Amino acid sequence: MHIFSRELSRLAEHVEQEFFRIERENSWAACVINGLIAGAAVGLVAWLVTATASGEQQEGNLLVFACLGSSSASIVFAPLAKSNSLRTIIIAYLIASLVCVVLYPVRDASFFPLPLQCFLAVTLSISAMRMCGALHPAAVGSAVPFLVLGLE
């Protein structure tokens, strides 16, 4: 298994160096490659959602795509930034999801208006992400669509 991880690391390093070479030689091609990688990531998630969900559930899941697109672009443009590490992204989206699960039962309550819910969703998400050392800005934005979905 160790040999496999070493080869995978070499392959990743080779791909990274090749991309940097392309970026130095032709910035236009690098821009297109960045866009293709980010677009392919979002397209894959969109395909998975449309293949596994239906009706209103599918529409609700599609609201999160703006955040996923932002995350994929962040990963492509600044892959070494701490806020774009896989660990940070996973933890940040989990925290945003947990905050939404906590706030979801009171979303229709008249004493708890939508602006207050959005304020709490963002505040609680950012606070928890900072405490865990896993702040990913796009994940913060993913908390609000879950609260807004289905409101009339």
N, C-alpha and C. Protein backbone atom coordinates (compact mmCIF):
# COMPACT_ATOMS: atom_id res chain seq x y z
N MET A 1 0.82 -1.19 0.00
CA MET A 1 0.00 0.00 0.00
C MET A 1 0.87 1.25 0.00
N HIS A 2 1.99 1.19 0.71
CA HIS A 2 2.89 2.34 0.78
C HIS A 2 3.44 2.67 -0.60
N ILE A 3 3.76 1.67 -1.40
CA ILE A 3 4.28 1.88 -2.76
C ILE A 3 3.23 2.60 -3.61
N PHE A 4 1.97 2.18 -3.45
CA PHE A 4 0.89 2.79 -4.21
C PHE A 4 0.75 4.28 -3.87
N SER A 5 0.83 4.63 -2.59
CA SER A 5 0.69 6.03 -2.19
C SER A 5 1.87 6.85 -2.68
N ARG A 6 3.06 6.25 -2.70
CA ARG A 6 4.22 6.96 -3.21
C ARG A 6 4.07 7.26 -4.70
N GLU A 7 3.60 6.28 -5.46
CA GLU A 7 3.38 6.48 -6.90
C GLU A 7 2.29 7.51 -7.16
N LEU A 8 1.24 7.46 -6.34
CA LEU A 8 0.16 8.44 -6.48
C LEU A 8 0.66 9.84 -6.17
N SER A 9 1.52 9.97 -5.18
CA SER A 9 2.10 11.27 -4.86
C SER A 9 2.97 11.78 -5.99
N ARG A 10 3.75 10.89 -6.59
CA ARG A 10 4.58 11.28 -7.74
C ARG A 10 3.73 11.73 -8.91
N LEU A 11 2.64 11.00 -9.16
CA LEU A 11 1.74 11.36 -10.25
C LEU A 11 1.12 12.74 -10.00
N ALA A 12 0.66 12.98 -8.77
CA ALA A 12 0.06 14.27 -8.44
C ALA A 12 1.08 15.39 -8.61
N GLU A 13 2.32 15.15 -8.18
CA GLU A 13 3.37 16.15 -8.31
C GLU A 13 3.67 16.42 -9.78
N HIS A 14 3.70 15.36 -10.59
CA HIS A 14 3.95 15.51 -12.03
C HIS A 14 2.83 16.32 -12.69
N VAL A 15 1.59 16.01 -12.36
CA VAL A 15 0.46 16.75 -12.93
C VAL A 15 0.53 18.22 -12.53
N GLU A 16 0.86 18.48 -11.26
CA GLU A 16 0.98 19.85 -10.79
C GLU A 16 2.08 20.60 -11.54
N GLN A 17 3.24 19.97 -11.70
CA GLN A 17 4.34 20.62 -12.40
C GLN A 17 3.99 20.87 -13.87
N GLU A 18 3.30 19.92 -14.48
CA GLU A 18 2.87 20.08 -15.87
C GLU A 18 1.89 21.24 -16.00
N PHE A 19 0.97 21.34 -15.05
CA PHE A 19 0.03 22.46 -15.09
C PHE A 19 0.75 23.79 -14.93
N PHE A 20 1.72 23.87 -14.00
CA PHE A 20 2.48 25.11 -13.83
C PHE A 20 3.25 25.46 -15.10
N ARG A 21 3.77 24.43 -15.79
CA ARG A 21 4.47 24.67 -17.06
C ARG A 21 3.51 25.26 -18.08
N ILE A 22 2.33 24.67 -18.18
CA ILE A 22 1.32 25.19 -19.12
C ILE A 22 0.94 26.62 -18.76
N GLU A 23 0.79 26.88 -17.46
CA GLU A 23 0.41 28.21 -17.01
C GLU A 23 1.47 29.25 -17.37
N ARG A 24 2.74 28.87 -17.24
CA ARG A 24 3.83 29.80 -17.59
C ARG A 24 3.87 30.05 -19.09
N GLU A 25 3.66 29.00 -19.88
CA GLU A 25 3.76 29.12 -21.33
C GLU A 25 2.53 29.76 -21.96
N ASN A 26 1.36 29.49 -21.43
CA ASN A 26 0.13 29.96 -22.06
C ASN A 26 -0.93 30.20 -20.99
N SER A 27 -1.05 31.44 -20.54
CA SER A 27 -2.00 31.72 -19.47
C SER A 27 -3.44 31.50 -19.92
N TRP A 28 -3.72 31.68 -21.21
CA TRP A 28 -5.08 31.45 -21.71
C TRP A 28 -5.47 29.98 -21.52
N ALA A 29 -4.57 29.07 -21.87
CA ALA A 29 -4.85 27.64 -21.70
C ALA A 29 -5.02 27.30 -20.22
N ALA A 30 -4.23 27.91 -19.35
CA ALA A 30 -4.35 27.66 -17.92
C ALA A 30 -5.72 28.12 -17.41
N CYS A 31 -6.20 29.25 -17.90
CA CYS A 31 -7.52 29.73 -17.49
C CYS A 31 -8.62 28.76 -17.92
N VAL A 32 -8.50 28.24 -19.12
CA VAL A 32 -9.50 27.29 -19.62
C VAL A 32 -9.44 26.00 -18.81
N ILE A 33 -8.24 25.53 -18.49
CA ILE A 33 -8.10 24.31 -17.70
C ILE A 33 -8.70 24.51 -16.32
N ASN A 34 -8.43 25.66 -15.67
CA ASN A 34 -9.02 25.95 -14.36
C ASN A 34 -10.54 25.90 -14.44
N GLY A 35 -11.11 26.54 -15.44
CA GLY A 35 -12.56 26.55 -15.60
C GLY A 35 -13.11 25.16 -15.85
N LEU A 36 -12.41 24.37 -16.65
CA LEU A 36 -12.87 23.00 -16.95
C LEU A 36 -12.86 22.12 -15.70
N ILE A 37 -11.83 22.25 -14.89
CA ILE A 37 -11.76 21.44 -13.67
C ILE A 37 -12.89 21.81 -12.71
N ALA A 38 -13.07 23.10 -12.48
CA ALA A 38 -14.14 23.55 -11.58
C ALA A 38 -15.51 23.17 -12.15
N GLY A 39 -15.70 23.38 -13.44
CA GLY A 39 -16.98 23.04 -14.07
C GLY A 39 -17.26 21.55 -14.04
N ALA A 40 -16.23 20.75 -14.24
CA ALA A 40 -16.41 19.29 -14.21
C ALA A 40 -16.81 18.83 -12.81
N ALA A 41 -16.24 19.43 -11.78
CA ALA A 41 -16.59 19.05 -10.40
C ALA A 41 -18.05 19.38 -10.11
N VAL A 42 -18.49 20.57 -10.48
CA VAL A 42 -19.88 20.96 -10.25
C VAL A 42 -20.82 20.14 -11.13
N GLY A 43 -20.43 19.90 -12.37
CA GLY A 43 -21.25 19.08 -13.27
C GLY A 43 -21.44 17.67 -12.75
N LEU A 44 -20.39 17.11 -12.17
CA LEU A 44 -20.49 15.76 -11.60
C LEU A 44 -21.48 15.73 -10.44
N VAL A 45 -21.39 16.72 -9.56
CA VAL A 45 -22.32 16.78 -8.43
C VAL A 45 -23.74 17.01 -8.93
N ALA A 46 -23.92 17.87 -9.94
CA ALA A 46 -25.25 18.12 -10.50
C ALA A 46 -25.82 16.83 -11.10
N TRP A 47 -24.99 16.10 -11.78
CA TRP A 47 -25.45 14.84 -12.36
C TRP A 47 -25.87 13.85 -11.27
N LEU A 48 -25.07 13.76 -10.21
CA LEU A 48 -25.42 12.87 -9.11
C LEU A 48 -26.75 13.27 -8.46
N VAL A 49 -26.97 14.57 -8.30
CA VAL A 49 -28.22 15.04 -7.69
C VAL A 49 -29.41 14.72 -8.59
N THR A 50 -29.28 14.99 -9.88
CA THR A 50 -30.40 14.73 -10.78
C THR A 50 -30.66 13.24 -10.94
N ALA A 51 -29.63 12.43 -10.77
CA ALA A 51 -29.80 10.99 -10.91
C ALA A 51 -30.41 10.36 -9.66
N THR A 52 -30.25 11.00 -8.51
CA THR A 52 -30.70 10.38 -7.26
C THR A 52 -31.89 11.06 -6.59
N ALA A 53 -32.25 12.27 -7.01
CA ALA A 53 -33.34 12.99 -6.36
C ALA A 53 -34.43 13.32 -7.39
N SER A 54 -35.59 13.69 -6.88
CA SER A 54 -36.68 14.05 -7.78
C SER A 54 -37.50 15.19 -7.20
N GLY A 55 -38.18 15.92 -8.08
CA GLY A 55 -39.12 16.95 -7.67
C GLY A 55 -38.52 18.06 -6.85
N GLU A 56 -39.21 18.42 -5.75
CA GLU A 56 -38.80 19.53 -4.91
C GLU A 56 -37.45 19.26 -4.25
N GLN A 57 -37.19 18.00 -3.93
CA GLN A 57 -35.90 17.66 -3.32
C GLN A 57 -34.77 18.00 -4.28
N GLN A 58 -34.96 17.72 -5.56
CA GLN A 58 -33.94 18.02 -6.55
C GLN A 58 -33.72 19.53 -6.65
N GLU A 59 -34.80 20.31 -6.66
CA GLU A 59 -34.67 21.76 -6.74
C GLU A 59 -33.93 22.31 -5.53
N GLY A 60 -34.22 21.76 -4.35
CA GLY A 60 -33.54 22.22 -3.14
C GLY A 60 -32.05 21.93 -3.19
N ASN A 61 -31.69 20.77 -3.67
CA ASN A 61 -30.28 20.42 -3.76
C ASN A 61 -29.56 21.32 -4.75
N LEU A 62 -30.26 21.74 -5.79
CA LEU A 62 -29.64 22.59 -6.80
C LEU A 62 -29.28 23.97 -6.24
N LEU A 63 -29.96 24.41 -5.18
CA LEU A 63 -29.63 25.71 -4.57
C LEU A 63 -28.22 25.74 -4.01
N VAL A 64 -27.70 24.61 -3.65
CA VAL A 64 -26.38 24.55 -3.03
C VAL A 64 -25.27 24.65 -4.08
N PHE A 65 -25.60 24.54 -5.37
CA PHE A 65 -24.57 24.52 -6.40
C PHE A 65 -23.74 25.78 -6.48
N ALA A 66 -24.30 26.91 -6.16
CA ALA A 66 -23.50 28.14 -6.17
C ALA A 66 -22.34 28.01 -5.19
N CYS A 67 -22.62 27.44 -4.03
CA CYS A 67 -21.57 27.25 -3.03
C CYS A 67 -20.55 26.21 -3.49
N LEU A 68 -21.04 25.13 -4.08
CA LEU A 68 -20.12 24.09 -4.57
C LEU A 68 -19.25 24.62 -5.70
N GLY A 69 -19.85 25.45 -6.57
CA GLY A 69 -19.06 26.05 -7.64
C GLY A 69 -17.97 26.94 -7.09
N SER A 70 -18.32 27.70 -6.08
CA SER A 70 -17.33 28.55 -5.43
C SER A 70 -16.23 27.73 -4.78
N SER A 71 -16.61 26.62 -4.14
CA SER A 71 -15.61 25.74 -3.51
C SER A 71 -14.68 25.15 -4.55
N SER A 72 -15.25 24.67 -5.65
CA SER A 72 -14.40 24.05 -6.67
C SER A 72 -13.46 25.08 -7.30
N ALA A 73 -13.95 26.29 -7.51
CA ALA A 73 -13.08 27.33 -8.05
C ALA A 73 -11.97 27.67 -7.06
N SER A 74 -12.30 27.72 -5.78
CA SER A 74 -11.29 28.02 -4.76
C SER A 74 -10.20 26.95 -4.75
N ILE A 75 -10.61 25.69 -4.86
CA ILE A 75 -9.64 24.60 -4.85
C ILE A 75 -8.72 24.68 -6.05
N VAL A 76 -9.27 25.00 -7.21
CA VAL A 76 -8.47 25.07 -8.43
C VAL A 76 -7.52 26.27 -8.40
N PHE A 77 -7.99 27.42 -7.93
CA PHE A 77 -7.18 28.63 -7.99
C PHE A 77 -6.16 28.73 -6.86
N ALA A 78 -6.47 28.17 -5.70
CA ALA A 78 -5.54 28.25 -4.57
C ALA A 78 -5.54 26.93 -3.81
N PRO A 79 -5.03 25.87 -4.43
CA PRO A 79 -5.12 24.54 -3.82
C PRO A 79 -4.33 24.39 -2.52
N LEU A 80 -3.34 25.23 -2.29
CA LEU A 80 -2.51 25.08 -1.10
C LEU A 80 -2.98 25.92 0.08
N ALA A 81 -4.00 26.75 -0.13
CA ALA A 81 -4.52 27.56 0.96
C ALA A 81 -5.21 26.67 1.99
N LYS A 82 -5.04 27.01 3.26
CA LYS A 82 -5.62 26.19 4.34
C LYS A 82 -7.13 26.10 4.22
N SER A 83 -7.78 27.19 3.78
CA SER A 83 -9.24 27.18 3.67
C SER A 83 -9.73 26.29 2.53
N ASN A 84 -8.82 25.83 1.68
CA ASN A 84 -9.21 24.99 0.55
C ASN A 84 -8.74 23.55 0.67
N SER A 85 -8.26 23.17 1.84
CA SER A 85 -7.85 21.78 2.01
C SER A 85 -9.09 20.90 2.10
N LEU A 86 -8.95 19.66 1.72
CA LEU A 86 -10.09 18.73 1.74
C LEU A 86 -10.64 18.60 3.16
N ARG A 87 -9.77 18.55 4.14
CA ARG A 87 -10.21 18.46 5.54
C ARG A 87 -11.06 19.65 5.92
N THR A 88 -10.59 20.85 5.59
CA THR A 88 -11.32 22.07 5.92
C THR A 88 -12.67 22.10 5.23
N ILE A 89 -12.71 21.76 3.96
CA ILE A 89 -13.96 21.81 3.21
C ILE A 89 -14.98 20.83 3.77
N ILE A 90 -14.56 19.62 4.04
CA ILE A 90 -15.49 18.62 4.57
C ILE A 90 -16.03 19.05 5.93
N ILE A 91 -15.15 19.46 6.82
CA ILE A 91 -15.58 19.88 8.16
C ILE A 91 -16.50 21.10 8.07
N ALA A 92 -16.15 22.06 7.21
CA ALA A 92 -16.95 23.28 7.09
C ALA A 92 -18.36 22.98 6.58
N TYR A 93 -18.48 22.14 5.57
CA TYR A 93 -19.81 21.80 5.06
C TYR A 93 -20.60 20.98 6.09
N LEU A 94 -19.93 20.12 6.83
CA LEU A 94 -20.62 19.37 7.89
C LEU A 94 -21.14 20.32 8.98
N ILE A 95 -20.33 21.29 9.36
CA ILE A 95 -20.77 22.25 10.37
C ILE A 95 -21.96 23.06 9.87
N ALA A 96 -21.89 23.54 8.62
CA ALA A 96 -23.02 24.30 8.06
C ALA A 96 -24.28 23.44 8.02
N SER A 97 -24.12 22.17 7.69
CA SER A 97 -25.27 21.26 7.66
C SER A 97 -25.85 21.06 9.05
N LEU A 98 -25.00 20.88 10.03
CA LEU A 98 -25.48 20.70 11.40
C LEU A 98 -26.21 21.94 11.92
N VAL A 99 -25.69 23.11 11.59
CA VAL A 99 -26.36 24.36 11.99
C VAL A 99 -27.75 24.42 11.36
N CYS A 100 -27.86 24.03 10.10
CA CYS A 100 -29.16 24.03 9.43
C CYS A 100 -30.12 23.02 10.06
N VAL A 101 -29.60 21.87 10.44
CA VAL A 101 -30.44 20.86 11.09
C VAL A 101 -30.99 21.41 12.41
N VAL A 102 -30.16 22.15 13.13
CA VAL A 102 -30.59 22.73 14.40
C VAL A 102 -31.64 23.82 14.17
N LEU A 103 -31.45 24.65 13.15
CA LEU A 103 -32.36 25.76 12.90
C LEU A 103 -33.61 25.37 12.11
N TYR A 104 -33.58 24.28 11.40
CA TYR A 104 -34.68 23.89 10.52
C TYR A 104 -36.03 23.76 11.22
N PRO A 105 -36.12 23.17 12.39
CA PRO A 105 -37.44 23.02 13.03
C PRO A 105 -38.16 24.33 13.34
N VAL A 106 -37.44 25.41 13.50
CA VAL A 106 -38.08 26.68 13.84
C VAL A 106 -38.19 27.63 12.64
N ARG A 107 -37.93 27.15 11.44
CA ARG A 107 -37.92 28.05 10.29
C ARG A 107 -39.29 28.60 9.95
N ASP A 108 -40.37 27.92 10.30
CA ASP A 108 -41.72 28.40 10.02
C ASP A 108 -42.34 29.15 11.19
N ALA A 109 -41.63 29.26 12.29
CA ALA A 109 -42.17 29.93 13.48
C ALA A 109 -42.27 31.44 13.25
N SER A 110 -43.40 32.03 13.61
CA SER A 110 -43.60 33.46 13.40
C SER A 110 -42.71 34.31 14.31
N PHE A 111 -42.33 33.75 15.44
CA PHE A 111 -41.47 34.51 16.37
C PHE A 111 -40.00 34.47 15.97
N PHE A 112 -39.69 33.73 14.90
CA PHE A 112 -38.30 33.55 14.47
C PHE A 112 -38.20 33.90 12.99
N PRO A 113 -38.20 35.20 12.64
CA PRO A 113 -38.25 35.61 11.23
C PRO A 113 -37.01 35.17 10.44
N LEU A 114 -37.18 35.10 9.12
CA LEU A 114 -36.11 34.64 8.23
C LEU A 114 -34.82 35.44 8.38
N PRO A 115 -34.85 36.76 8.47
CA PRO A 115 -33.58 37.49 8.65
C PRO A 115 -32.81 37.05 9.90
N LEU A 116 -33.53 36.78 10.96
CA LEU A 116 -32.88 36.31 12.19
C LEU A 116 -32.31 34.90 11.99
N GLN A 117 -33.04 34.06 11.29
CA GLN A 117 -32.56 32.70 11.00
C GLN A 117 -31.28 32.75 10.17
N CYS A 118 -31.28 33.60 9.13
CA CYS A 118 -30.08 33.74 8.29
C CYS A 118 -28.90 34.28 9.10
N PHE A 119 -29.19 35.27 9.95
CA PHE A 119 -28.15 35.82 10.82
C PHE A 119 -27.55 34.72 11.70
N LEU A 120 -28.41 33.94 12.33
CA LEU A 120 -27.92 32.87 13.21
C LEU A 120 -27.20 31.77 12.43
N ALA A 121 -27.71 31.43 11.25
CA ALA A 121 -27.07 30.38 10.45
C ALA A 121 -25.64 30.77 10.11
N VAL A 122 -25.45 31.99 9.66
CA VAL A 122 -24.11 32.45 9.28
C VAL A 122 -23.23 32.62 10.52
N THR A 123 -23.77 33.23 11.58
CA THR A 123 -22.99 33.46 12.80
C THR A 123 -22.56 32.15 13.45
N LEU A 124 -23.50 31.24 13.62
CA LEU A 124 -23.16 29.96 14.24
C LEU A 124 -22.19 29.14 13.38
N SER A 125 -22.41 29.16 12.06
CA SER A 125 -21.52 28.42 11.16
C SER A 125 -20.09 28.94 11.24
N ILE A 126 -19.94 30.26 11.11
CA ILE A 126 -18.58 30.84 11.15
C ILE A 126 -17.93 30.60 12.50
N SER A 127 -18.68 30.78 13.58
CA SER A 127 -18.11 30.59 14.92
C SER A 127 -17.62 29.16 15.10
N ALA A 128 -18.45 28.19 14.72
CA ALA A 128 -18.05 26.79 14.88
C ALA A 128 -16.89 26.43 13.96
N MET A 129 -16.89 26.95 12.74
CA MET A 129 -15.79 26.67 11.82
C MET A 129 -14.48 27.23 12.35
N ARG A 130 -14.53 28.44 12.88
CA ARG A 130 -13.32 29.03 13.44
C ARG A 130 -12.82 28.24 14.64
N MET A 131 -13.75 27.76 15.48
CA MET A 131 -13.35 26.96 16.65
C MET A 131 -12.69 25.66 16.23
N CYS A 132 -13.13 25.10 15.10
CA CYS A 132 -12.56 23.84 14.59
C CYS A 132 -11.37 24.07 13.68
N GLY A 133 -11.03 25.32 13.41
CA GLY A 133 -9.92 25.61 12.51
C GLY A 133 -10.22 25.17 11.09
N ALA A 134 -11.50 25.31 10.68
CA ALA A 134 -11.91 24.84 9.36
C ALA A 134 -12.86 25.84 8.70
N LEU A 135 -12.40 27.06 8.50
CA LEU A 135 -13.25 28.08 7.88
C LEU A 135 -13.13 28.00 6.37
N HIS A 136 -14.24 27.73 5.71
CA HIS A 136 -14.32 27.72 4.25
C HIS A 136 -15.51 28.61 3.88
N PRO A 137 -15.25 29.80 3.33
CA PRO A 137 -16.32 30.77 3.10
C PRO A 137 -17.51 30.25 2.29
N ALA A 138 -17.27 29.44 1.29
CA ALA A 138 -18.38 28.93 0.47
C ALA A 138 -19.32 28.05 1.29
N ALA A 139 -18.80 27.33 2.26
CA ALA A 139 -19.64 26.49 3.10
C ALA A 139 -20.57 27.33 3.97
N VAL A 140 -20.11 28.50 4.38
CA VAL A 140 -20.96 29.39 5.16
C VAL A 140 -22.20 29.74 4.35
N GLY A 141 -22.01 30.04 3.09
CA GLY A 141 -23.14 30.39 2.23
C GLY A 141 -24.10 29.25 1.97
N SER A 142 -23.65 28.03 2.18
CA SER A 142 -24.53 26.88 1.93
C SER A 142 -25.57 26.70 3.02
N ALA A 143 -25.40 27.35 4.16
CA ALA A 143 -26.36 27.21 5.25
C ALA A 143 -27.69 27.89 4.94
N VAL A 144 -27.66 29.01 4.26
CA VAL A 144 -28.87 29.80 4.03
C VAL A 144 -29.87 29.14 3.08
N PRO A 145 -29.46 28.53 1.95
CA PRO A 145 -30.47 27.93 1.06
C PRO A 145 -31.34 26.88 1.74
N PHE A 146 -30.80 26.16 2.70
CA PHE A 146 -31.60 25.14 3.38
C PHE A 146 -32.72 25.78 4.20
N LEU A 147 -32.47 26.97 4.71
CA LEU A 147 -33.50 27.66 5.49
C LEU A 147 -34.56 28.29 4.59
N VAL A 148 -34.13 28.80 3.45
CA VAL A 148 -35.02 29.52 2.55
C VAL A 148 -35.89 28.56 1.71
N LEU A 149 -35.38 27.40 1.42
CA LEU A 149 -36.07 26.44 0.54
C LEU A 149 -37.47 26.12 1.07
N GLY A 150 -38.45 26.25 0.21
CA GLY A 150 -39.81 25.86 0.55
C GLY A 150 -40.60 26.90 1.30
N LEU A 151 -40.01 28.04 1.61
CA LEU A 151 -40.76 29.09 2.29
C LEU A 151 -41.63 29.82 1.27
N GLU A 152 -42.79 30.21 1.70
CA GLU A 152 -43.71 30.91 0.79
C GLU A 152 -44.02 32.27 1.30
